């Protein structure tokens, strides 16, 4: 459980940076969450807002995070707009976990 909380903290830091508005503010401020599921719910709510009110900002953020264009295209062309924020949250978390794994491997000299 403690390992998951540490992992969530690291992911939140990445996401906070990726959602930075440029003036030391972030659309996803650092929060104290204990699990990935809690963070996913939090992130999903924020993504709903961006999807509805700040779509251009959302697209720029997703580009910066390096979410696969193919995955995004499939998501946005599919039916069920209500499922998009949750799916985006999954993609963002998955990408951030991948970045954490790669950084760890690099630090260990395994890349």
C-alpha atoms as a PDB file:
ATOM      1  CA  UNK A   1       0.000   0.000   0.000  1.00  0.00           C
ATOM      2  CA  UNK A   2       2.832   2.393   0.836  1.00  0.00           C
ATOM      3  CA  UNK A   3       4.490   1.610  -2.501  1.00  0.00           C
ATOM      4  CA  UNK A   4       1.265   2.498  -4.347  1.00  0.00           C
ATOM      5  CA  UNK A   5       1.018   5.813  -2.484  1.00  0.00           C
ATOM      6  CA  UNK A   6       4.611   6.614  -3.459  1.00  0.00           C
ATOM      7  CA  UNK A   7       3.823   5.737  -7.070  1.00  0.00           C
ATOM      8  CA  UNK A   8       0.685   7.904  -7.013  1.00  0.00           C
ATOM      9  CA  UNK A   9       2.701  10.817  -5.610  1.00  0.00           C
ATOM     10  CA  UNK A  10       5.228  10.490  -8.447  1.00  0.00           C
ATOM     11  CA  UNK A  11       2.481  10.310 -11.088  1.00  0.00           C
ATOM     12  CA  UNK A  12       0.713  13.348  -9.611  1.00  0.00           C
ATOM     13  CA  UNK A  13       3.993  15.308  -9.862  1.00  0.00           C
ATOM     14  CA  UNK A  14       4.343  14.388 -13.541  1.00  0.00           C
ATOM     15  CA  UNK A  15       0.723  15.226 -14.310  1.00  0.00           C
ATOM     16  CA  UNK A  16       0.877  18.495 -12.384  1.00  0.00           C
ATOM     17  CA  UNK A  17       3.872  19.518 -14.502  1.00  0.00           C
ATOM     18  CA  UNK A  18       2.209  18.401 -17.751  1.00  0.00           C
ATOM     19  CA  UNK A  19      -0.931  20.393 -16.926  1.00  0.00           C
ATOM     20  CA  UNK A  20       1.038  23.551 -16.097  1.00  0.00           C
ATOM     21  CA  UNK A  21      -0.456  26.786 -17.408  1.00  0.00           C
ATOM     22  CA  UNK A  22       2.940  28.449 -17.587  1.00  0.00           C
ATOM     23  CA  UNK A  23       2.661  30.898 -14.694  1.00  0.00           C
ATOM     24  CA  UNK A  24       3.547  28.437 -11.909  1.00  0.00           C
ATOM     25  CA  UNK A  25      -0.061  27.266 -11.835  1.00  0.00           C
ATOM     26  CA  UNK A  26      -1.392  23.896 -12.861  1.00  0.00           C
ATOM     27  CA  UNK A  27      -4.817  22.776 -13.948  1.00  0.00           C
ATOM     28  CA  UNK A  28      -4.124  19.659 -11.860  1.00  0.00           C
ATOM     29  CA  UNK A  29      -2.699  20.922  -8.555  1.00  0.00           C
ATOM     30  CA  UNK A  30      -0.777  18.488  -6.402  1.00  0.00           C
ATOM     31  CA  UNK A  31      -3.108  16.552  -4.149  1.00  0.00           C
ATOM     32  CA  UNK A  32      -2.659  13.935  -1.468  1.00  0.00           C
ATOM     33  CA  UNK A  33      -4.254  10.789  -2.862  1.00  0.00           C
ATOM     34  CA  UNK A  34      -3.678   7.278  -1.580  1.00  0.00           C
ATOM     35  CA  UNK A  35      -4.454   5.162  -4.641  1.00  0.00           C
ATOM     36  CA  UNK A  36      -4.388   5.194  -8.408  1.00  0.00           C
ATOM     37  CA  UNK A  37      -8.166   4.738  -8.394  1.00  0.00           C
ATOM     38  CA  UNK A  38      -8.626   7.934  -6.346  1.00  0.00           C
ATOM     39  CA  UNK A  39      -6.297   9.794  -8.675  1.00  0.00           C
ATOM     40  CA  UNK A  40      -8.136   8.459 -11.725  1.00  0.00           C
ATOM     41  CA  UNK A  41     -11.454   9.785 -10.364  1.00  0.00           C
ATOM     42  CA  UNK A  42      -9.851  13.161  -9.613  1.00  0.00           C
ATOM     43  CA  UNK A  43      -8.196  13.344 -13.039  1.00  0.00           C
ATOM     44  CA  UNK A  44     -11.392  12.248 -14.818  1.00  0.00           C
ATOM     45  CA  UNK A  45     -13.299  15.164 -13.275  1.00  0.00           C
ATOM     46  CA  UNK A  46     -10.627  17.623 -14.419  1.00  0.00           C
ATOM     47  CA  UNK A  47     -10.599  16.114 -17.901  1.00  0.00           C
ATOM     48  CA  UNK A  48     -14.394  16.471 -18.183  1.00  0.00           C
ATOM     49  CA  UNK A  49     -13.993  20.194 -17.560  1.00  0.00           C
ATOM     50  CA  UNK A  50     -11.193  20.528 -20.128  1.00  0.00           C
ATOM     51  CA  UNK A  51     -13.089  18.498 -22.695  1.00  0.00           C
ATOM     52  CA  UNK A  52     -16.186  20.675 -22.341  1.00  0.00           C
ATOM     53  CA  UNK A  53     -14.657  24.114 -21.748  1.00  0.00           C
ATOM     54  CA  UNK A  54     -11.004  24.164 -22.831  1.00  0.00           C
ATOM     55  CA  UNK A  55     -10.616  21.630 -25.620  1.00  0.00           C
ATOM     56  CA  UNK A  56      -7.636  23.388 -27.252  1.00  0.00           C
ATOM     57  CA  UNK A  57      -5.791  23.346 -23.939  1.00  0.00           C
ATOM     58  CA  UNK A  58      -6.575  19.648 -23.526  1.00  0.00           C
ATOM     59  CA  UNK A  59      -5.220  18.814 -26.986  1.00  0.00           C
ATOM     60  CA  UNK A  60      -1.972  20.679 -26.251  1.00  0.00           C
ATOM     61  CA  UNK A  61      -1.603  18.873 -22.934  1.00  0.00           C
ATOM     62  CA  UNK A  62      -2.180  15.452 -24.491  1.00  0.00           C
ATOM     63  CA  UNK A  63       0.406  16.269 -27.164  1.00  0.00           C
ATOM     64  CA  UNK A  64       2.903  17.259 -24.460  1.00  0.00           C
ATOM     65  CA  UNK A  65       2.291  14.077 -22.487  1.00  0.00           C
ATOM     66  CA  UNK A  66       2.920  12.131 -25.703  1.00  0.00           C
ATOM     67  CA  UNK A  67      -0.298  10.157 -25.798  1.00  0.00           C
ATOM     68  CA  UNK A  68      -0.494   8.082 -28.990  1.00  0.00           C
ATOM     69  CA  UNK A  69      -2.329   9.935 -31.765  1.00  0.00           C
ATOM     70  CA  UNK A  70      -3.736   6.619 -32.955  1.00  0.00           C
ATOM     71  CA  UNK A  71      -5.245   5.891 -29.538  1.00  0.00           C
ATOM     72  CA  UNK A  72      -6.671   9.408 -29.306  1.00  0.00           C
ATOM     73  CA  UNK A  73      -8.145   9.184 -32.791  1.00  0.00           C
ATOM     74  CA  UNK A  74      -9.827   5.890 -31.934  1.00  0.00           C
ATOM     75  CA  UNK A  75     -11.161   7.308 -28.690  1.00  0.00           C
ATOM     76  CA  UNK A  76     -12.572  10.504 -30.180  1.00  0.00           C
ATOM     77  CA  UNK A  77     -14.061   8.805 -33.246  1.00  0.00           C
ATOM     78  CA  UNK A  78     -15.825   6.143 -31.212  1.00  0.00           C
ATOM     79  CA  UNK A  79     -19.243   6.494 -29.715  1.00  0.00           C
ATOM     80  CA  UNK A  80     -19.879   7.396 -26.103  1.00  0.00           C
ATOM     81  CA  UNK A  81     -18.607  10.884 -25.343  1.00  0.00           C
ATOM     82  CA  UNK A  82     -19.310  10.249 -21.648  1.00  0.00           C
ATOM     83  CA  UNK A  83     -16.567   7.604 -21.504  1.00  0.00           C
ATOM     84  CA  UNK A  84     -13.865   9.854 -23.003  1.00  0.00           C
ATOM     85  CA  UNK A  85     -12.653  11.541 -19.772  1.00  0.00           C
ATOM     86  CA  UNK A  86     -12.235   8.215 -17.983  1.00  0.00           C
ATOM     87  CA  UNK A  87     -10.435   6.677 -20.962  1.00  0.00           C
ATOM     88  CA  UNK A  88      -8.174   9.737 -21.222  1.00  0.00           C
ATOM     89  CA  UNK A  89      -7.348   9.418 -17.526  1.00  0.00           C
ATOM     90  CA  UNK A  90      -6.368   5.777 -18.096  1.00  0.00           C
ATOM     91  CA  UNK A  91      -4.164   6.767 -21.045  1.00  0.00           C
ATOM     92  CA  UNK A  92      -2.469   9.540 -19.062  1.00  0.00           C
ATOM     93  CA  UNK A  93      -1.819   7.294 -16.060  1.00  0.00           C
ATOM     94  CA  UNK A  94      -0.543   4.512 -18.324  1.00  0.00           C
ATOM     95  CA  UNK A  95       1.838   6.913 -20.093  1.00  0.00           C
ATOM     96  CA  UNK A  96       3.121   8.367 -16.819  1.00  0.00           C
ATOM     97  CA  UNK A  97       3.742   4.871 -15.413  1.00  0.00           C
ATOM     98  CA  UNK A  98       5.685   4.059 -18.569  1.00  0.00           C
ATOM     99  CA  UNK A  99       7.798   7.212 -18.109  1.00  0.00           C
ATOM    100  CA  UNK A 100       8.495   6.270 -14.478  1.00  0.00           C
ATOM    101  CA  UNK A 101       9.596   2.755 -15.496  1.00  0.00           C
ATOM    102  CA  UNK A 102      11.880   4.110 -18.214  1.00  0.00           C
ATOM    103  CA  UNK A 103      13.480   6.650 -15.887  1.00  0.00           C
ATOM    104  CA  UNK A 104      14.084   3.958 -13.295  1.00  0.00           C
ATOM    105  CA  UNK A 105      15.704   1.683 -15.880  1.00  0.00           C
ATOM    106  CA  UNK A 106      17.854   4.559 -17.124  1.00  0.00           C
ATOM    107  CA  UNK A 107      19.029   5.399 -13.589  1.00  0.00           C
ATOM    108  CA  UNK A 108      19.896   1.729 -13.038  1.00  0.00           C
ATOM    109  CA  UNK A 109      21.924   1.703 -16.262  1.00  0.00           C
ATOM    110  CA  UNK A 110      19.660  -0.852 -17.894  1.00  0.00           C
ATOM    111  CA  UNK A 111      18.859   1.304 -20.938  1.00  0.00           C
END
